[in-house]
């Protein structure tokens, strides 16, 4: 998945103060990250101003000596430097998007962390008005502690990473079974619940039985995977338990009970 980019609005910042104000308005960061970002901006502007002054001096010297060819080169350089300011905001916009994405993800699996998953879940349940089915599921690796104890934590980590990959691959909100009209970025709702547990949400279902079809497909994909590719000692298939709660979004009263029904609030 590609990092979400912040949408620019209004005129592009053209000065140091305008860019700093733009960053503070559009990039919600901790005070530590904001300070690092503003320091980087200051360094870029200082370098830009130095290059600008050097270019002006070169222009004056070229004019005084009548070097028309050098003047043409200087004009090209000045035009390129003038475009630097407008590109700075795009660069830092991408940087902040990457930092924000990292803060929302579990470092081992690259799935959402649980806090961000619940933020997305609560927002969806609060805003969604259409009458339709959605599903929230909880996944647990069967007997995971035995793998850790017998084969070591390195193998356990590979099992967790592979199950996370299969979860992303098999449980998709843009599924042909799960009809969804939103953007691909908004659809990705898989999270690491903690340890060897995961959770997911399927946003748009024609009927609740489709959630169980998708859950079974994921469970079978885990069992059918060749686990010896992760470690030769995994001769028997790793298995997962999958629990799914379905919710009809037309019933507003049910929206606040979905987390309790999963026993994860």
C-alpha atoms as a PDB file:
ATOM      1  CA  UNK A   1       0.000   0.000   0.000  1.00  0.00           C
ATOM      2  CA  UNK A   2       1.172   3.418  -0.875  1.00  0.00           C
ATOM      3  CA  UNK A   3       1.458   6.040   1.952  1.00  0.00           C
ATOM      4  CA  UNK A   4      -1.467   8.419   2.081  1.00  0.00           C
ATOM      5  CA  UNK A   5      -0.602  11.857   0.755  1.00  0.00           C
ATOM      6  CA  UNK A   6      -1.979  15.027   2.301  1.00  0.00           C
ATOM      7  CA  UNK A   7      -4.081  17.022  -0.146  1.00  0.00           C
ATOM      8  CA  UNK A   8      -2.804  20.557  -0.665  1.00  0.00           C
ATOM      9  CA  UNK A   9      -5.353  23.363  -0.616  1.00  0.00           C
ATOM     10  CA  UNK A  10      -5.022  27.080  -1.216  1.00  0.00           C
ATOM     11  CA  UNK A  11      -2.004  28.846  -2.680  1.00  0.00           C
ATOM     12  CA  UNK A  12       1.425  27.231  -2.528  1.00  0.00           C
ATOM     13  CA  UNK A  13       3.703  28.704   0.175  1.00  0.00           C
ATOM     14  CA  UNK A  14       6.319  31.032  -1.291  1.00  0.00           C
ATOM     15  CA  UNK A  15       8.232  32.263   1.768  1.00  0.00           C
ATOM     16  CA  UNK A  16       9.829  30.723   4.832  1.00  0.00           C
ATOM     17  CA  UNK A  17       7.051  31.945   7.151  1.00  0.00           C
ATOM     18  CA  UNK A  18       4.334  30.799   4.782  1.00  0.00           C
ATOM     19  CA  UNK A  19       5.862  27.309   4.562  1.00  0.00           C
ATOM     20  CA  UNK A  20       6.259  27.040   8.352  1.00  0.00           C
ATOM     21  CA  UNK A  21       2.632  28.092   8.794  1.00  0.00           C
ATOM     22  CA  UNK A  22       1.588  25.578   6.122  1.00  0.00           C
ATOM     23  CA  UNK A  23       3.428  22.733   7.904  1.00  0.00           C
ATOM     24  CA  UNK A  24       1.865  23.585  11.286  1.00  0.00           C
ATOM     25  CA  UNK A  25      -1.599  23.734   9.761  1.00  0.00           C
ATOM     26  CA  UNK A  26      -1.480  20.642   7.544  1.00  0.00           C
ATOM     27  CA  UNK A  27       0.972  18.302   9.307  1.00  0.00           C
ATOM     28  CA  UNK A  28      -0.194  17.175  12.789  1.00  0.00           C
ATOM     29  CA  UNK A  29       3.049  16.037  14.447  1.00  0.00           C
ATOM     30  CA  UNK A  30       4.472  15.643  17.934  1.00  0.00           C
ATOM     31  CA  UNK A  31       6.499  18.597  19.174  1.00  0.00           C
ATOM     32  CA  UNK A  32       9.723  16.598  18.679  1.00  0.00           C
ATOM     33  CA  UNK A  33       8.962  15.703  15.032  1.00  0.00           C
ATOM     34  CA  UNK A  34       7.692  19.205  14.318  1.00  0.00           C
ATOM     35  CA  UNK A  35      10.942  20.695  15.663  1.00  0.00           C
ATOM     36  CA  UNK A  36      13.010  18.343  13.469  1.00  0.00           C
ATOM     37  CA  UNK A  37      10.897  19.201  10.441  1.00  0.00           C
ATOM     38  CA  UNK A  38      11.173  22.964  11.007  1.00  0.00           C
ATOM     39  CA  UNK A  39      14.947  22.659  11.504  1.00  0.00           C
ATOM     40  CA  UNK A  40      15.187  20.856   8.159  1.00  0.00           C
ATOM     41  CA  UNK A  41      13.106  23.575   6.497  1.00  0.00           C
ATOM     42  CA  UNK A  42      15.361  26.264   7.966  1.00  0.00           C
ATOM     43  CA  UNK A  43      18.437  24.467   6.631  1.00  0.00           C
ATOM     44  CA  UNK A  44      16.919  24.236   3.148  1.00  0.00           C
ATOM     45  CA  UNK A  45      16.004  27.918   3.113  1.00  0.00           C
ATOM     46  CA  UNK A  46      19.431  28.957   4.381  1.00  0.00           C
ATOM     47  CA  UNK A  47      21.080  26.941   1.626  1.00  0.00           C
ATOM     48  CA  UNK A  48      18.635  28.334  -0.928  1.00  0.00           C
ATOM     49  CA  UNK A  49      19.371  31.933   0.126  1.00  0.00           C
ATOM     50  CA  UNK A  50      23.100  31.318  -0.074  1.00  0.00           C
ATOM     51  CA  UNK A  51      22.761  29.893  -3.579  1.00  0.00           C
ATOM     52  CA  UNK A  52      20.537  32.816  -4.548  1.00  0.00           C
ATOM     53  CA  UNK A  53      23.129  35.355  -3.395  1.00  0.00           C
ATOM     54  CA  UNK A  54      25.890  33.475  -5.198  1.00  0.00           C
ATOM     55  CA  UNK A  55      23.825  33.459  -8.384  1.00  0.00           C
ATOM     56  CA  UNK A  56      23.197  37.196  -8.158  1.00  0.00           C
ATOM     57  CA  UNK A  57      26.911  37.859  -7.717  1.00  0.00           C
ATOM     58  CA  UNK A  58      27.647  35.691 -10.735  1.00  0.00           C
ATOM     59  CA  UNK A  59      25.029  37.609 -12.720  1.00  0.00           C
ATOM     60  CA  UNK A  60      26.602  40.971 -11.867  1.00  0.00           C
ATOM     61  CA  UNK A  61      30.092  39.723 -12.731  1.00  0.00           C
ATOM     62  CA  UNK A  62      28.863  38.209 -16.000  1.00  0.00           C
ATOM     63  CA  UNK A  63      27.072  41.419 -16.931  1.00  0.00           C
ATOM     64  CA  UNK A  64      30.102  43.548 -16.200  1.00  0.00           C
ATOM     65  CA  UNK A  65      32.313  41.345 -18.368  1.00  0.00           C
ATOM     66  CA  UNK A  66      29.704  41.041 -21.097  1.00  0.00           C
ATOM     67  CA  UNK A  67      29.556  37.262 -20.949  1.00  0.00           C
ATOM     68  CA  UNK A  68      26.161  36.796 -22.529  1.00  0.00           C
ATOM     69  CA  UNK A  69      26.502  33.025 -22.579  1.00  0.00           C
ATOM     70  CA  UNK A  70      27.151  32.955 -18.845  1.00  0.00           C
ATOM     71  CA  UNK A  71      24.128  35.193 -18.265  1.00  0.00           C
ATOM     72  CA  UNK A  72      21.937  32.685 -20.081  1.00  0.00           C
ATOM     73  CA  UNK A  73      23.223  29.916 -17.823  1.00  0.00           C
ATOM     74  CA  UNK A  74      22.642  32.035 -14.723  1.00  0.00           C
ATOM     75  CA  UNK A  75      19.068  32.805 -15.779  1.00  0.00           C
ATOM     76  CA  UNK A  76      18.427  29.079 -16.121  1.00  0.00           C
ATOM     77  CA  UNK A  77      19.860  28.440 -12.656  1.00  0.00           C
ATOM     78  CA  UNK A  78      17.787  31.241 -11.133  1.00  0.00           C
ATOM     79  CA  UNK A  79      14.619  29.829 -12.672  1.00  0.00           C
ATOM     80  CA  UNK A  80      15.418  26.394 -11.242  1.00  0.00           C
ATOM     81  CA  UNK A  81      16.117  27.843  -7.785  1.00  0.00           C
ATOM     82  CA  UNK A  82      12.901  29.863  -7.908  1.00  0.00           C
ATOM     83  CA  UNK A  83      11.000  26.597  -8.360  1.00  0.00           C
ATOM     84  CA  UNK A  84      12.652  25.125  -5.259  1.00  0.00           C
ATOM     85  CA  UNK A  85      10.262  26.781  -2.807  1.00  0.00           C
ATOM     86  CA  UNK A  86       7.145  25.274  -4.371  1.00  0.00           C
ATOM     87  CA  UNK A  87       8.730  21.817  -4.388  1.00  0.00           C
ATOM     88  CA  UNK A  88       9.732  21.986  -0.708  1.00  0.00           C
ATOM     89  CA  UNK A  89       6.124  21.720   0.479  1.00  0.00           C
ATOM     90  CA  UNK A  90       5.555  18.616  -1.669  1.00  0.00           C
ATOM     91  CA  UNK A  91       8.749  17.012  -0.350  1.00  0.00           C
ATOM     92  CA  UNK A  92       7.853  17.585   3.292  1.00  0.00           C
ATOM     93  CA  UNK A  93       4.252  16.587   2.657  1.00  0.00           C
ATOM     94  CA  UNK A  94       5.526  13.194   1.494  1.00  0.00           C
ATOM     95  CA  UNK A  95       7.944  13.013   4.433  1.00  0.00           C
ATOM     96  CA  UNK A  96       5.204  13.698   6.979  1.00  0.00           C
ATOM     97  CA  UNK A  97       2.932  11.157   5.274  1.00  0.00           C
ATOM     98  CA  UNK A  98       5.663   8.509   5.614  1.00  0.00           C
ATOM     99  CA  UNK A  99       6.274   9.380   9.288  1.00  0.00           C
ATOM    100  CA  UNK A 100       2.553   9.283  10.028  1.00  0.00           C
ATOM    101  CA  UNK A 101       2.208   5.946   8.258  1.00  0.00           C
ATOM    102  CA  UNK A 102       5.053   4.491  10.337  1.00  0.00           C
ATOM    103  CA  UNK A 103       3.424   5.675  13.573  1.00  0.00           C
ATOM    104  CA  UNK A 104       0.200   3.852  12.634  1.00  0.00           C
ATOM    105  CA  UNK A 105       1.783   0.468  11.866  1.00  0.00           C
ATOM    106  CA  UNK A 106       3.099  -2.544  13.703  1.00  0.00           C
ATOM    107  CA  UNK A 107       6.829  -2.677  12.839  1.00  0.00           C
ATOM    108  CA  UNK A 108       6.987  -6.470  12.545  1.00  0.00           C
ATOM    109  CA  UNK A 109       4.030  -7.084  10.216  1.00  0.00           C
ATOM    110  CA  UNK A 110       3.405  -3.623   8.686  1.00  0.00           C
ATOM    111  CA  UNK A 111      -0.284  -4.074   9.519  1.00  0.00           C
ATOM    112  CA  UNK A 112      -2.115  -1.297  11.342  1.00  0.00           C
ATOM    113  CA  UNK A 113      -1.488  -1.131  15.059  1.00  0.00           C
ATOM    114  CA  UNK A 114      -4.518  -1.707  17.265  1.00  0.00           C
ATOM    115  CA  UNK A 115      -5.033   1.940  18.263  1.00  0.00           C
ATOM    116  CA  UNK A 116      -5.200   3.119  14.655  1.00  0.00           C
ATOM    117  CA  UNK A 117      -7.442   0.190  13.697  1.00  0.00           C
ATOM    118  CA  UNK A 118      -9.974   1.190  16.340  1.00  0.00           C
ATOM    119  CA  UNK A 119      -9.795   4.842  15.291  1.00  0.00           C
ATOM    120  CA  UNK A 120     -10.711   3.774  11.754  1.00  0.00           C
ATOM    121  CA  UNK A 121     -13.363   1.340  12.992  1.00  0.00           C
ATOM    122  CA  UNK A 122     -15.033   3.911  15.260  1.00  0.00           C
ATOM    123  CA  UNK A 123     -14.981   6.568  12.542  1.00  0.00           C
ATOM    124  CA  UNK A 124     -16.576   4.183  10.067  1.00  0.00           C
ATOM    125  CA  UNK A 125     -19.316   3.093  12.474  1.00  0.00           C
ATOM    126  CA  UNK A 126     -20.026   6.690  13.495  1.00  0.00           C
ATOM    127  CA  UNK A 127     -20.289   8.059   9.946  1.00  0.00           C
ATOM    128  CA  UNK A 128     -21.708   5.204   7.891  1.00  0.00           C
ATOM    129  CA  UNK A 129     -25.435   5.632   7.276  1.00  0.00           C
ATOM    130  CA  UNK A 130     -26.235   3.093   4.569  1.00  0.00           C
ATOM    131  CA  UNK A 131     -28.102  -0.061   5.497  1.00  0.00           C
ATOM    132  CA  UNK A 132     -25.665  -2.884   4.707  1.00  0.00           C
ATOM    133  CA  UNK A 133     -23.611  -5.621   6.337  1.00  0.00           C
ATOM    134  CA  UNK A 134     -20.068  -5.263   7.612  1.00  0.00           C
ATOM    135  CA  UNK A 135     -17.932  -7.724   9.559  1.00  0.00           C
ATOM    136  CA  UNK A 136     -15.159  -7.559  12.132  1.00  0.00           C
ATOM    137  CA  UNK A 137     -12.970 -10.601  12.703  1.00  0.00           C
ATOM    138  CA  UNK A 138     -10.407 -11.810  15.222  1.00  0.00           C
ATOM    139  CA  UNK A 139      -7.604 -14.229  14.253  1.00  0.00           C
ATOM    140  CA  UNK A 140      -5.479 -16.367  16.569  1.00  0.00           C
ATOM    141  CA  UNK A 141      -2.590 -18.658  15.560  1.00  0.00           C
ATOM    142  CA  UNK A 142      -3.398 -22.084  16.996  1.00  0.00           C
ATOM    143  CA  UNK A 143      -0.818 -23.297  19.533  1.00  0.00           C
ATOM    144  CA  UNK A 144       1.597 -20.478  18.731  1.00  0.00           C
ATOM    145  CA  UNK A 145       3.426 -20.759  22.073  1.00  0.00           C
ATOM    146  CA  UNK A 146       4.480 -24.307  21.162  1.00  0.00           C
ATOM    147  CA  UNK A 147       6.210 -23.031  18.008  1.00  0.00           C
ATOM    148  CA  UNK A 148       8.017 -20.350  19.984  1.00  0.00           C
ATOM    149  CA  UNK A 149       9.112 -22.762  22.713  1.00  0.00           C
ATOM    150  CA  UNK A 150      10.144 -25.610  20.401  1.00  0.00           C
ATOM    151  CA  UNK A 151      11.611 -23.740  17.422  1.00  0.00           C
ATOM    152  CA  UNK A 152      12.615 -20.368  18.849  1.00  0.00           C
ATOM    153  CA  UNK A 153      11.387 -16.811  18.539  1.00  0.00           C
ATOM    154  CA  UNK A 154      12.960 -16.284  15.106  1.00  0.00           C
ATOM    155  CA  UNK A 155      10.713 -18.976  13.614  1.00  0.00           C
ATOM    156  CA  UNK A 156       7.781 -17.584  15.578  1.00  0.00           C
ATOM    157  CA  UNK A 157       8.397 -14.167  14.049  1.00  0.00           C
ATOM    158  CA  UNK A 158       8.423 -15.677  10.546  1.00  0.00           C
ATOM    159  CA  UNK A 159       5.119 -17.423  11.241  1.00  0.00           C
ATOM    160  CA  UNK A 160       3.561 -14.149  12.422  1.00  0.00           C
ATOM    161  CA  UNK A 161       4.862 -12.281   9.368  1.00  0.00           C
ATOM    162  CA  UNK A 162       3.555 -14.936   6.951  1.00  0.00           C
ATOM    163  CA  UNK A 163       0.108 -15.074   8.578  1.00  0.00           C
ATOM    164  CA  UNK A 164      -0.047 -11.258   8.350  1.00  0.00           C
ATOM    165  CA  UNK A 165       0.842 -11.452   4.643  1.00  0.00           C
ATOM    166  CA  UNK A 166      -1.848 -14.065   3.994  1.00  0.00           C
ATOM    167  CA  UNK A 167      -4.365 -11.968   5.932  1.00  0.00           C
ATOM    168  CA  UNK A 168      -3.692  -8.962   3.688  1.00  0.00           C
ATOM    169  CA  UNK A 169      -3.838 -11.195   0.620  1.00  0.00           C
ATOM    170  CA  UNK A 170      -6.995 -13.175   1.400  1.00  0.00           C
ATOM    171  CA  UNK A 171      -9.145 -10.727   3.423  1.00  0.00           C
ATOM    172  CA  UNK A 172      -9.681  -7.761   1.132  1.00  0.00           C
ATOM    173  CA  UNK A 173     -12.265  -5.021   1.446  1.00  0.00           C
ATOM    174  CA  UNK A 174     -12.080  -4.562  -2.334  1.00  0.00           C
ATOM    175  CA  UNK A 175     -12.936  -8.250  -2.752  1.00  0.00           C
ATOM    176  CA  UNK A 176     -15.256  -9.439  -5.512  1.00  0.00           C
ATOM    177  CA  UNK A 177     -17.285 -10.853  -2.649  1.00  0.00           C
ATOM    178  CA  UNK A 178     -17.017  -7.732  -0.494  1.00  0.00           C
ATOM    179  CA  UNK A 179     -18.278  -4.890  -2.670  1.00  0.00           C
ATOM    180  CA  UNK A 180     -16.710  -1.543  -1.788  1.00  0.00           C
ATOM    181  CA  UNK A 181     -16.811   1.839  -3.492  1.00  0.00           C
ATOM    182  CA  UNK A 182     -14.291   3.716  -1.372  1.00  0.00           C
ATOM    183  CA  UNK A 183     -10.606   4.294  -2.097  1.00  0.00           C
ATOM    184  CA  UNK A 184      -8.099   1.449  -1.767  1.00  0.00           C
ATOM    185  CA  UNK A 185      -6.275   3.241   1.065  1.00  0.00           C
ATOM    186  CA  UNK A 186      -9.481   3.554   3.096  1.00  0.00           C
ATOM    187  CA  UNK A 187     -10.257  -0.153   2.606  1.00  0.00           C
ATOM    188  CA  UNK A 188      -7.162  -1.516   4.288  1.00  0.00           C
ATOM    189  CA  UNK A 189      -8.355  -2.536   7.739  1.00  0.00           C
ATOM    190  CA  UNK A 190      -6.110  -5.353   8.941  1.00  0.00           C
ATOM    191  CA  UNK A 191      -4.314  -4.971  12.267  1.00  0.00           C
ATOM    192  CA  UNK A 192      -2.054  -6.843  14.615  1.00  0.00           C
ATOM    193  CA  UNK A 193      -4.058  -7.234  17.790  1.00  0.00           C
ATOM    194  CA  UNK A 194      -1.002  -8.262  19.804  1.00  0.00           C
ATOM    195  CA  UNK A 195       1.282 -11.286  20.076  1.00  0.00           C
ATOM    196  CA  UNK A 196      -0.076 -13.884  17.655  1.00  0.00           C
ATOM    197  CA  UNK A 197      -3.504 -12.289  17.274  1.00  0.00           C
ATOM    198  CA  UNK A 198      -4.858 -10.158  14.444  1.00  0.00           C
ATOM    199  CA  UNK A 199      -8.113  -8.395  13.628  1.00  0.00           C
ATOM    200  CA  UNK A 200      -9.738  -7.199  10.440  1.00  0.00           C
ATOM    201  CA  UNK A 201     -12.815  -5.424   9.120  1.00  0.00           C
ATOM    202  CA  UNK A 202     -14.756  -6.034   5.912  1.00  0.00           C
ATOM    203  CA  UNK A 203     -16.756  -2.898   5.182  1.00  0.00           C
ATOM    204  CA  UNK A 204     -19.320  -3.751   2.524  1.00  0.00           C
ATOM    205  CA  UNK A 205     -21.156  -7.072   2.238  1.00  0.00           C
ATOM    206  CA  UNK A 206     -24.330  -7.899   0.330  1.00  0.00           C
ATOM    207  CA  UNK A 207     -25.211 -10.429   3.031  1.00  0.00           C
ATOM    208  CA  UNK A 208     -23.546 -11.619   6.229  1.00  0.00           C
ATOM    209  CA  UNK A 209     -22.688 -15.113   4.957  1.00  0.00           C
ATOM    210  CA  UNK A 210     -20.056 -13.655   2.657  1.00  0.00           C
ATOM    211  CA  UNK A 211     -17.949 -12.744   5.708  1.00  0.00           C
ATOM    212  CA  UNK A 212     -17.694 -16.420   6.658  1.00  0.00           C
ATOM    213  CA  UNK A 213     -16.746 -17.316   3.087  1.00  0.00           C
ATOM    214  CA  UNK A 214     -13.851 -14.842   3.206  1.00  0.00           C
ATOM    215  CA  UNK A 215     -12.824 -16.005   6.701  1.00  0.00           C
ATOM    216  CA  UNK A 216     -12.793 -19.650   5.586  1.00  0.00           C
ATOM    217  CA  UNK A 217     -10.757 -18.763   2.504  1.00  0.00           C
ATOM    218  CA  UNK A 218      -8.122 -17.118   4.703  1.00  0.00           C
ATOM    219  CA  UNK A 219      -8.059 -20.054   7.139  1.00  0.00           C
ATOM    220  CA  UNK A 220      -7.623 -22.531   4.276  1.00  0.00           C
ATOM    221  CA  UNK A 221      -4.873 -20.414   2.700  1.00  0.00           C
ATOM    222  CA  UNK A 222      -2.917 -20.592   5.971  1.00  0.00           C
ATOM    223  CA  UNK A 223      -3.352 -24.367   6.223  1.00  0.00           C
ATOM    224  CA  UNK A 224      -2.422 -24.974   2.571  1.00  0.00           C
ATOM    225  CA  UNK A 225       0.681 -22.786   2.628  1.00  0.00           C
ATOM    226  CA  UNK A 226       3.995 -24.682   2.385  1.00  0.00           C
ATOM    227  CA  UNK A 227       5.362 -23.811   5.822  1.00  0.00           C
ATOM    228  CA  UNK A 228       8.657 -25.588   5.172  1.00  0.00           C
ATOM    229  CA  UNK A 229       9.528 -22.512   3.094  1.00  0.00           C
ATOM    230  CA  UNK A 230       9.699 -20.606   6.402  1.00  0.00           C
ATOM    231  CA  UNK A 231      11.515 -23.383   8.282  1.00  0.00           C
ATOM    232  CA  UNK A 232      12.189 -27.005   7.325  1.00  0.00           C
ATOM    233  CA  UNK A 233      10.989 -28.133  10.771  1.00  0.00           C
ATOM    234  CA  UNK A 234       7.455 -26.883  10.061  1.00  0.00           C
ATOM    235  CA  UNK A 235       6.390 -30.138   8.436  1.00  0.00           C
ATOM    236  CA  UNK A 236       2.826 -29.824   9.733  1.00  0.00           C
ATOM    237  CA  UNK A 237       0.667 -26.918   8.633  1.00  0.00           C
ATOM    238  CA  UNK A 238       0.221 -23.903  10.857  1.00  0.00           C
ATOM    239  CA  UNK A 239      -3.442 -23.295  11.622  1.00  0.00           C
ATOM    240  CA  UNK A 240      -5.475 -20.280  12.680  1.00  0.00           C
ATOM    241  CA  UNK A 241      -8.771 -19.815  14.481  1.00  0.00           C
ATOM    242  CA  UNK A 242     -11.002 -17.129  12.963  1.00  0.00           C
ATOM    243  CA  UNK A 243     -13.962 -15.526  14.742  1.00  0.00           C
ATOM    244  CA  UNK A 244     -16.275 -13.149  12.859  1.00  0.00           C
ATOM    245  CA  UNK A 245     -18.969 -10.772  14.121  1.00  0.00           C
ATOM    246  CA  UNK A 246     -21.398  -9.393  11.508  1.00  0.00           C
ATOM    247  CA  UNK A 247     -23.245  -6.105  11.922  1.00  0.00           C
ATOM    248  CA  UNK A 248     -26.195  -4.649  10.024  1.00  0.00           C
ATOM    249  CA  UNK A 249     -25.367  -0.954   9.771  1.00  0.00           C
ATOM    250  CA  UNK A 250     -29.013   0.049   9.475  1.00  0.00           C
ATOM    251  CA  UNK A 251     -29.413  -0.688  13.197  1.00  0.00           C
ATOM    252  CA  UNK A 252     -27.698   2.227  14.908  1.00  0.00           C
ATOM    253  CA  UNK A 253     -28.019   0.708  18.364  1.00  0.00           C
ATOM    254  CA  UNK A 254     -25.795  -2.220  17.371  1.00  0.00           C
ATOM    255  CA  UNK A 255     -22.840  -0.078  16.332  1.00  0.00           C
ATOM    256  CA  UNK A 256     -21.578   0.546  19.858  1.00  0.00           C
ATOM    257  CA  UNK A 257     -21.719  -3.129  20.858  1.00  0.00           C
ATOM    258  CA  UNK A 258     -19.491  -4.599  18.143  1.00  0.00           C
ATOM    259  CA  UNK A 259     -16.241  -4.244  20.142  1.00  0.00           C
ATOM    260  CA  UNK A 260     -17.797  -5.808  23.244  1.00  0.00           C
ATOM    261  CA  UNK A 261     -19.086  -8.748  21.204  1.00  0.00           C
ATOM    262  CA  UNK A 262     -15.509  -9.382  20.096  1.00  0.00           C
ATOM    263  CA  UNK A 263     -14.299  -9.031  23.727  1.00  0.00           C
ATOM    264  CA  UNK A 264     -11.625  -6.548  22.621  1.00  0.00           C
ATOM    265  CA  UNK A 265     -12.817  -3.208  24.057  1.00  0.00           C
END
